[in-house]
């Protein structure tokens, strides 16, 4: 079974003495062009076997190194300390075996990286030093082979391995690294990724019109805005989005909050338009008043302690000799920590909304406010209420009816959501 070979004798620029160079070149000349008989090849068609390639890097001395094969794009990575090295001559656009290009450079301070571009998914069957056994120049030899991506053929190959080969591997012989999985399309990978659920709650609806002024009806403009924001969020492919109402329907306040809690939402955003007897204008962001949030958190912790384990679960613990009260206390403590985390998450998100909305619309003179709105009375979901603008202000009312304004402001809130989920405290599902 022939190997294509990309080899390089140690060059004078490495800086070693003549004896060291001669030794390395002798070792290179003696390097086999065929795989050893004891090596068990992965199953492959004859044409694929011819692609197996030996790639040789000249180094000034032996060093510790790491080799890995990666897909999409298919390549082999060799990480080295900052050492003098030489690569084979350029391929001039003509692949040799499975290798179709290579390059080297600083991968990090004090680190060299060699990238070997390959024509398909591969494994590195063997890596070893050839040449000097002392401190002289050496050749780092990599034997690269196509990866078997068919699991059935891998199992069949493993079953057909002689016992001596298995014993050799278990005794410290060469063990194959995991075969890389076939690369997934980005859209398929995104579809399988965790997507946090964002619940949008357009206020009022049905018989409850909300604020009405200057030709603007609150229940209509907030529903239109919620739909615009929903569409933009879904278009990113990063989120799942649900509305508490999709049409002109009245939903009780308690059911809106429960809607988010039941679905384990990662964010709850109530959307409203404001009303004032003054000349106030601009957007305002409300989160739960601190004193109310503290009382709610304490209540939630007590409830968590009561609900941590059912009677049947407590009986099961006793039957296996476990202390139910101790386990219950631990679970209640974890639930309490989650309550506190939600308060922190709400604060992080409120700040992100204020910062981003200010780039697309007018903000109230005091945009960061606290209140005890009923839809915010939750300790289970980070929740804010956004008053988009004042229907009592002619300029604000005109903006609320503008599709362009809705798109721009929705885009800024989408950016706030992106920024929020990039924060370490909001990344993990709850």
Protein backbone atom coordinates (compact mmCIF):
# COMPACT_ATOMS: atom_id res chain seq x y z
CA UNK A 1 0.00 0.00 0.00
CA UNK A 2 1.96 3.02 -1.29
CA UNK A 3 2.15 6.37 0.49
CA UNK A 4 2.43 9.68 -1.28
CA UNK A 5 5.32 11.52 0.40
CA UNK A 6 5.97 15.19 1.06
CA UNK A 7 9.44 15.27 2.60
CA UNK A 8 12.10 17.84 3.40
CA UNK A 9 15.70 17.22 4.42
CA UNK A 10 16.95 19.49 7.18
CA UNK A 11 18.19 22.74 5.64
CA UNK A 12 21.31 24.59 6.64
CA UNK A 13 19.19 27.48 7.92
CA UNK A 14 18.09 25.29 10.82
CA UNK A 15 21.48 25.98 12.34
CA UNK A 16 22.65 22.46 13.21
CA UNK A 17 26.02 20.85 12.63
CA UNK A 18 26.86 18.61 9.68
CA UNK A 19 26.66 15.40 11.69
CA UNK A 20 23.15 16.19 12.86
CA UNK A 21 22.01 16.99 9.32
CA UNK A 22 23.50 13.82 7.93
CA UNK A 23 21.83 11.74 10.64
CA UNK A 24 18.42 13.27 9.93
CA UNK A 25 18.81 12.81 6.20
CA UNK A 26 19.88 9.18 6.68
CA UNK A 27 16.80 8.58 8.82
CA UNK A 28 14.64 10.21 6.20
CA UNK A 29 16.16 8.13 3.42
CA UNK A 30 15.47 5.01 5.43
CA UNK A 31 11.89 5.98 6.17
CA UNK A 32 9.56 3.37 4.64
CA UNK A 33 7.39 4.32 1.71
CA UNK A 34 4.93 1.61 2.66
CA UNK A 35 2.93 1.18 5.86
CA UNK A 36 4.25 -1.41 8.28
CA UNK A 37 2.61 -4.79 8.03
CA UNK A 38 1.32 -4.56 11.60
CA UNK A 39 -0.78 -1.50 10.89
CA UNK A 40 -4.49 -2.19 10.43
CA UNK A 41 -5.89 0.13 7.78
CA UNK A 42 -9.38 1.57 8.00
CA UNK A 43 -11.64 0.03 5.34
CA UNK A 44 -11.44 2.01 2.13
CA UNK A 45 -11.62 1.54 -1.59
CA UNK A 46 -8.24 1.05 -3.34
CA UNK A 47 -8.41 4.56 -4.82
CA UNK A 48 -8.80 6.01 -1.33
CA UNK A 49 -5.81 4.07 -0.01
CA UNK A 50 -3.55 5.78 -2.54
CA UNK A 51 -4.42 9.12 -0.94
CA UNK A 52 -2.60 8.27 2.28
CA UNK A 53 0.14 10.87 2.61
CA UNK A 54 3.23 11.36 4.72
CA UNK A 55 3.90 15.02 5.56
CA UNK A 56 7.31 15.86 7.03
CA UNK A 57 8.29 19.05 8.90
CA UNK A 58 11.95 19.84 9.64
CA UNK A 59 12.58 21.12 13.17
CA UNK A 60 15.76 22.38 14.84
CA UNK A 61 15.20 20.02 17.80
CA UNK A 62 12.69 17.69 19.40
CA UNK A 63 9.80 19.54 21.02
CA UNK A 64 6.43 18.70 22.48
CA UNK A 65 3.64 19.06 19.95
CA UNK A 66 -0.08 18.51 19.49
CA UNK A 67 -1.82 17.26 16.34
CA UNK A 68 -5.54 17.38 15.57
CA UNK A 69 -7.70 16.96 12.49
CA UNK A 70 -10.66 19.27 11.99
CA UNK A 71 -13.55 19.44 9.50
CA UNK A 72 -15.24 22.35 7.73
CA UNK A 73 -12.78 23.18 6.24
CA UNK A 74 -10.91 19.89 6.34
CA UNK A 75 -7.42 20.41 7.77
CA UNK A 76 -4.74 19.07 10.11
CA UNK A 77 -3.39 21.39 12.81
CA UNK A 78 0.08 20.98 14.33
CA UNK A 79 0.77 23.19 17.39
CA UNK A 80 4.40 23.68 18.40
CA UNK A 81 6.42 25.96 20.65
CA UNK A 82 8.20 28.85 18.93
CA UNK A 83 10.85 26.75 17.18
CA UNK A 84 12.68 27.11 13.86
CA UNK A 85 11.09 24.94 11.19
CA UNK A 86 11.01 24.36 7.48
CA UNK A 87 8.11 23.09 5.40
CA UNK A 88 8.21 21.18 2.10
CA UNK A 89 8.39 23.12 -1.17
CA UNK A 90 5.17 24.75 -2.32
CA UNK A 91 2.73 22.47 -4.11
CA UNK A 92 2.09 25.12 -6.79
CA UNK A 93 -1.62 24.34 -6.78
CA UNK A 94 -1.17 20.61 -7.43
CA UNK A 95 -2.35 18.35 -4.57
CA UNK A 96 -0.03 15.59 -3.41
CA UNK A 97 -2.03 12.64 -2.17
CA UNK A 98 -4.61 13.99 0.24
CA UNK A 99 -2.75 17.28 0.90
CA UNK A 100 -3.62 20.31 -1.20
CA UNK A 101 -1.81 23.08 0.67
CA UNK A 102 -0.08 24.12 3.88
CA UNK A 103 1.13 27.18 5.78
CA UNK A 104 2.77 28.10 9.08
CA UNK A 105 2.88 31.09 11.38
CA UNK A 106 2.50 32.32 14.95
CA UNK A 107 -0.70 30.88 16.39
CA UNK A 108 -0.30 32.69 19.72
CA UNK A 109 2.51 34.40 21.63
CA UNK A 110 5.34 31.88 21.81
CA UNK A 111 3.41 29.29 19.77
CA UNK A 112 3.86 28.13 16.17
CA UNK A 113 1.02 26.57 14.20
CA UNK A 114 1.22 24.55 11.00
CA UNK A 115 -2.02 24.18 9.05
CA UNK A 116 -2.20 21.40 6.47
CA UNK A 117 -5.17 21.69 4.10
CA UNK A 118 -6.59 18.34 3.00
CA UNK A 119 -9.11 17.31 0.39
CA UNK A 120 -11.52 15.44 2.71
CA UNK A 121 -11.99 14.47 6.38
CA UNK A 122 -8.84 12.76 7.64
CA UNK A 123 -7.19 11.15 10.63
CA UNK A 124 -3.50 11.26 11.53
CA UNK A 125 -2.63 7.58 11.72
CA UNK A 126 0.86 8.12 13.07
CA UNK A 127 3.16 10.92 14.14
CA UNK A 128 6.80 10.40 15.05
CA UNK A 129 10.25 12.00 15.04
CA UNK A 130 12.85 10.86 12.52
CA UNK A 131 16.49 11.80 12.86
CA UNK A 132 18.59 12.89 15.81
CA UNK A 133 18.01 11.23 19.16
CA UNK A 134 19.82 14.07 20.93
CA UNK A 135 19.44 17.81 20.63
CA UNK A 136 20.09 17.99 16.89
CA UNK A 137 17.64 18.64 14.04
CA UNK A 138 14.79 16.21 13.54
CA UNK A 139 11.98 15.50 11.13
CA UNK A 140 8.41 15.36 12.43
CA UNK A 141 6.58 12.82 10.27
CA UNK A 142 2.78 12.71 10.03
CA UNK A 143 0.95 9.92 8.25
CA UNK A 144 -2.42 11.29 7.13
CA UNK A 145 -5.22 9.07 5.85
CA UNK A 146 -8.84 9.55 4.77
CA UNK A 147 -11.28 9.14 7.65
CA UNK A 148 -13.85 6.35 7.50
CA UNK A 149 -17.19 8.08 8.03
CA UNK A 150 -19.36 4.99 7.70
CA UNK A 151 -19.95 3.62 11.20
CA UNK A 152 -20.85 0.18 9.89
CA UNK A 153 -17.50 -0.22 8.16
CA UNK A 154 -15.69 0.95 11.31
CA UNK A 155 -17.42 -1.69 13.40
CA UNK A 156 -16.67 -4.31 10.81
CA UNK A 157 -12.99 -3.31 10.76
CA UNK A 158 -12.76 -3.44 14.55
CA UNK A 159 -14.34 -6.90 14.59
CA UNK A 160 -11.85 -8.18 12.01
CA UNK A 161 -8.74 -6.91 13.89
CA UNK A 162 -6.47 -9.73 15.06
CA UNK A 163 -6.18 -10.18 18.81
CA UNK A 164 -2.47 -9.29 18.66
CA UNK A 165 -3.30 -5.86 17.28
CA UNK A 166 -5.86 -5.27 20.02
CA UNK A 167 -3.36 -6.34 22.68
CA UNK A 168 -0.73 -4.05 21.17
CA UNK A 169 -3.10 -1.08 21.34
CA UNK A 170 -4.09 -1.80 24.94
CA UNK A 171 -0.41 -2.15 25.86
CA UNK A 172 0.41 1.37 24.68
CA UNK A 173 0.51 0.97 20.92
CA UNK A 174 -0.98 3.44 18.48
CA UNK A 175 -4.66 4.06 19.23
CA UNK A 176 -6.80 5.72 16.60
CA UNK A 177 -8.30 9.09 17.56
CA UNK A 178 -12.06 9.49 17.18
CA UNK A 179 -13.16 9.80 13.59
CA UNK A 180 -14.39 13.35 12.90
CA UNK A 181 -18.12 13.63 12.38
CA UNK A 182 -19.21 14.80 8.93
CA UNK A 183 -19.53 18.58 8.85
CA UNK A 184 -23.07 19.88 9.31
CA UNK A 185 -24.62 22.63 7.29
CA UNK A 186 -24.70 25.87 9.32
CA UNK A 187 -28.49 26.07 9.10
CA UNK A 188 -28.87 22.48 10.36
CA UNK A 189 -26.40 23.07 13.20
CA UNK A 190 -28.29 26.24 14.19
CA UNK A 191 -31.60 24.36 14.14
CA UNK A 192 -30.25 21.82 16.65
CA UNK A 193 -28.70 24.41 18.95
CA UNK A 194 -30.30 25.62 22.16
CA UNK A 195 -32.65 28.52 21.43
CA UNK A 196 -33.94 30.53 24.38
CA UNK A 197 -37.66 31.29 24.39
CA UNK A 198 -38.62 34.97 24.47
CA UNK A 199 -42.21 35.79 25.38
CA UNK A 200 -43.55 39.11 24.05
CA UNK A 201 -46.64 40.46 25.78
CA UNK A 202 -48.46 43.16 23.77
CA UNK A 203 -50.65 44.89 26.35
CA UNK A 204 -54.44 45.18 26.50
CA UNK A 205 -56.58 43.74 23.65
CA UNK A 206 -60.24 42.95 23.06
CA UNK A 207 -62.54 45.17 25.12
CA UNK A 208 -59.49 46.77 26.78
CA UNK A 209 -58.17 49.35 24.29
CA UNK A 210 -55.56 50.86 26.57
CA UNK A 211 -54.61 54.52 26.08
CA UNK A 212 -56.24 56.37 23.17
CA UNK A 213 -55.08 59.78 21.97
CA UNK A 214 -53.93 61.61 18.83
CA UNK A 215 -55.44 58.97 16.54
CA UNK A 216 -53.43 56.23 18.28
CA UNK A 217 -54.95 53.20 20.02
CA UNK A 218 -52.52 51.50 22.39
CA UNK A 219 -53.74 47.91 21.92
CA UNK A 220 -53.26 48.23 18.14
CA UNK A 221 -49.81 49.84 18.02
CA UNK A 222 -48.29 47.54 20.66
CA UNK A 223 -49.54 44.43 18.86
CA UNK A 224 -48.08 45.73 15.58
CA UNK A 225 -44.79 46.40 17.33
CA UNK A 226 -44.72 42.96 18.97
CA UNK A 227 -45.24 41.29 15.59
CA UNK A 228 -42.38 43.32 14.07
CA UNK A 229 -40.02 42.41 16.92
CA UNK A 230 -41.10 38.76 16.77
CA UNK A 231 -40.31 38.55 13.06
CA UNK A 232 -36.90 40.14 13.51
CA UNK A 233 -35.97 37.81 16.36
CA UNK A 234 -37.08 34.70 14.49
CA UNK A 235 -35.15 35.82 11.41
CA UNK A 236 -31.88 35.58 13.38
CA UNK A 237 -32.40 31.84 13.88
CA UNK A 238 -31.16 32.23 17.48
CA UNK A 239 -34.44 32.43 19.37
CA UNK A 240 -37.88 30.95 19.79
CA UNK A 241 -40.54 33.63 20.19
CA UNK A 242 -44.11 33.43 21.50
CA UNK A 243 -46.75 36.16 21.88
CA UNK A 244 -49.26 36.16 24.73
CA UNK A 245 -51.83 37.33 22.18
CA UNK A 246 -51.62 37.10 18.40
CA UNK A 247 -54.73 39.14 17.65
CA UNK A 248 -57.24 41.56 19.20
CA UNK A 249 -57.98 39.30 22.17
CA UNK A 250 -58.12 40.20 25.83
CA UNK A 251 -55.81 38.13 28.06
CA UNK A 252 -55.97 38.55 31.86
CA UNK A 253 -52.76 39.82 33.45
CA UNK A 254 -52.21 36.70 35.56
CA UNK A 255 -52.48 34.47 32.48
CA UNK A 256 -49.86 36.54 30.65
CA UNK A 257 -47.31 35.98 33.39
CA UNK A 258 -48.28 32.33 33.74
CA UNK A 259 -47.86 31.89 29.98
CA UNK A 260 -44.16 32.73 30.33
CA UNK A 261 -43.58 30.71 33.50
CA UNK A 262 -45.25 27.56 32.15
CA UNK A 263 -43.06 27.65 29.05
CA UNK A 264 -39.88 28.33 31.05
CA UNK A 265 -39.19 31.49 29.07
CA UNK A 266 -35.72 32.99 29.13
CA UNK A 267 -37.17 36.53 28.86
CA UNK A 268 -40.57 38.16 29.32
CA UNK A 269 -41.10 41.54 27.64
CA UNK A 270 -44.38 43.39 28.19
CA UNK A 271 -44.98 46.04 25.52
CA UNK A 272 -47.12 49.13 26.18
CA UNK A 273 -47.61 52.78 25.22
CA UNK A 274 -47.75 55.45 27.92
CA UNK A 275 -50.24 58.20 28.81
CA UNK A 276 -49.56 61.44 30.67
CA UNK A 277 -51.28 64.73 31.40
CA UNK A 278 -47.91 66.50 31.04
CA UNK A 279 -45.78 67.02 27.93
CA UNK A 280 -43.76 63.89 28.67
CA UNK A 281 -42.39 61.86 25.77
CA UNK A 282 -39.97 59.04 25.06
CA UNK A 283 -39.51 55.42 26.07
CA UNK A 284 -39.38 54.10 29.63
CA UNK A 285 -38.20 50.69 30.86
CA UNK A 286 -39.79 49.25 34.01
CA UNK A 287 -38.54 46.39 36.16
CA UNK A 288 -40.02 45.13 39.40
CA UNK A 289 -39.67 47.46 42.39
CA UNK A 290 -36.85 46.29 44.67
CA UNK A 291 -38.95 45.92 47.81
CA UNK A 292 -41.59 43.94 45.92
CA UNK A 293 -38.93 41.84 44.21
CA UNK A 294 -37.33 41.02 47.58
CA UNK A 295 -40.67 39.95 49.08
CA UNK A 296 -41.49 37.94 45.98
CA UNK A 297 -38.08 36.26 46.07
CA UNK A 298 -38.52 35.31 49.73
CA UNK A 299 -41.97 33.91 48.97
CA UNK A 300 -40.61 31.99 46.00
CA UNK A 301 -37.84 30.49 48.14
CA UNK A 302 -40.36 29.33 50.75
CA UNK A 303 -42.54 27.86 48.03
CA UNK A 304 -39.51 26.14 46.49
CA UNK A 305 -38.74 24.56 49.86
CA UNK A 306 -42.30 23.23 50.11
CA UNK A 307 -42.36 21.99 46.51
CA UNK A 308 -38.79 20.66 46.31
CA UNK A 309 -39.88 17.06 46.82
CA UNK A 310 -43.26 15.39 46.75
CA UNK A 311 -44.37 12.95 49.47
CA UNK A 312 -43.76 9.98 47.18
CA UNK A 313 -40.24 11.23 46.39
CA UNK A 314 -39.52 11.65 50.09
CA UNK A 315 -40.71 8.07 50.71
CA UNK A 316 -38.44 6.82 47.91
CA UNK A 317 -35.45 8.56 49.48
CA UNK A 318 -36.18 7.01 52.88
CA UNK A 319 -36.42 3.55 51.32
CA UNK A 320 -32.84 3.81 50.04
CA UNK A 321 -31.51 5.27 53.26
CA UNK A 322 -31.29 8.91 52.17
CA UNK A 323 -32.24 11.84 54.37
CA UNK A 324 -35.20 13.52 52.70
CA UNK A 325 -34.99 16.82 54.65
CA UNK A 326 -31.32 17.26 53.71
CA UNK A 327 -31.96 16.66 50.01
CA UNK A 328 -35.01 18.91 50.17
CA UNK A 329 -32.93 21.69 51.73
CA UNK A 330 -30.30 21.42 49.00
CA UNK A 331 -32.92 21.59 46.21
CA UNK A 332 -34.63 24.53 47.87
CA UNK A 333 -31.30 26.34 48.15
CA UNK A 334 -30.63 25.80 44.45
CA UNK A 335 -34.10 27.14 43.60
CA UNK A 336 -33.43 30.17 45.79
CA UNK A 337 -30.21 30.86 43.94
CA UNK A 338 -32.13 30.71 40.65
CA UNK A 339 -34.54 33.34 41.99
CA UNK A 340 -31.63 35.65 42.80
CA UNK A 341 -30.11 35.00 39.37
CA UNK A 342 -33.34 36.08 37.70
CA UNK A 343 -33.21 39.40 39.53
CA UNK A 344 -29.66 39.93 38.26
CA UNK A 345 -30.67 38.92 34.74
CA UNK A 346 -33.55 41.40 34.76
CA UNK A 347 -31.19 44.20 35.74
CA UNK A 348 -28.69 43.27 33.02
CA UNK A 349 -31.40 43.18 30.37
CA UNK A 350 -33.04 46.46 31.44
CA UNK A 351 -29.70 48.25 31.11
CA UNK A 352 -29.10 46.71 27.68
CA UNK A 353 -32.55 47.86 26.45
CA UNK A 354 -32.02 51.44 27.68
CA UNK A 355 -28.60 51.65 26.05
CA UNK A 356 -29.74 50.28 22.69
CA UNK A 357 -33.17 51.94 22.43
CA UNK A 358 -31.54 55.31 23.01
CA UNK A 359 -29.85 54.95 19.62
CA UNK A 360 -33.13 54.65 17.72
CA UNK A 361 -35.73 56.72 19.57
CA UNK A 362 -36.28 59.35 22.24
CA UNK A 363 -35.97 58.18 25.81
CA UNK A 364 -37.80 59.54 28.83
CA UNK A 365 -35.80 61.86 31.08
CA UNK A 366 -35.77 59.03 33.63
CA UNK A 367 -35.95 55.86 31.50
CA UNK A 368 -34.90 53.30 34.14
CA UNK A 369 -37.82 52.87 36.55
CA UNK A 370 -39.27 50.37 39.00
CA UNK A 371 -42.93 49.54 39.57
CA UNK A 372 -45.16 46.76 40.90
CA UNK A 373 -46.97 46.01 37.63
CA UNK A 374 -48.83 42.72 37.94
CA UNK A 375 -47.28 41.21 34.81
CA UNK A 376 -43.84 41.70 36.38
CA UNK A 377 -44.72 39.83 39.58
CA UNK A 378 -42.64 36.78 38.77
CA UNK A 379 -39.50 35.39 40.35
CA UNK A 380 -39.11 32.66 37.73
CA UNK A 381 -38.48 34.68 34.56
CA UNK A 382 -36.40 37.82 33.92
CA UNK A 383 -39.13 40.38 33.08
CA UNK A 384 -39.34 44.00 31.96
CA UNK A 385 -42.14 46.26 30.75
CA UNK A 386 -41.33 48.68 27.93
CA UNK A 387 -43.42 51.82 27.47
CA UNK A 388 -42.52 52.57 23.86
CA UNK A 389 -43.72 56.18 23.77
CA UNK A 390 -46.56 58.47 24.90
CA UNK A 391 -49.81 58.47 22.93
CA UNK A 392 -50.49 61.86 24.54
CA UNK A 393 -47.50 63.40 22.75
CA UNK A 394 -48.24 64.19 19.09
CA UNK A 395 -44.72 63.36 17.91
CA UNK A 396 -44.60 60.11 19.89
CA UNK A 397 -48.07 59.11 18.69
CA UNK A 398 -47.02 59.62 15.07
CA UNK A 399 -43.96 57.45 15.63
CA UNK A 400 -46.02 54.66 17.17
CA UNK A 401 -48.06 54.50 13.95
CA UNK A 402 -44.96 54.51 11.71
CA UNK A 403 -43.79 51.17 10.30
CA UNK A 404 -40.27 52.55 9.74
CA UNK A 405 -40.05 53.67 13.37
CA UNK A 406 -41.30 50.28 14.58
CA UNK A 407 -38.67 48.47 12.49
CA UNK A 408 -35.84 50.68 13.76
CA UNK A 409 -36.82 50.45 17.42
CA UNK A 410 -37.46 46.70 17.15
CA UNK A 411 -33.98 46.36 15.68
CA UNK A 412 -32.49 48.16 18.68
CA UNK A 413 -34.35 45.90 21.12
CA UNK A 414 -33.19 42.87 19.15
CA UNK A 415 -29.61 44.16 19.59
CA UNK A 416 -30.26 44.51 23.32
CA UNK A 417 -31.46 40.90 23.42
CA UNK A 418 -28.36 39.76 21.52
CA UNK A 419 -26.14 41.65 23.95
CA UNK A 420 -28.02 40.22 26.91
CA UNK A 421 -27.58 36.61 25.80
CA UNK A 422 -23.87 37.23 25.14
CA UNK A 423 -23.52 37.97 28.87
CA UNK A 424 -22.16 35.00 30.83
CA UNK A 425 -25.01 35.15 33.35
CA UNK A 426 -27.69 34.70 30.68
CA UNK A 427 -26.15 31.98 28.50
CA UNK A 428 -27.33 28.81 30.16
CA UNK A 429 -30.90 27.57 29.87
CA UNK A 430 -32.92 27.96 33.06
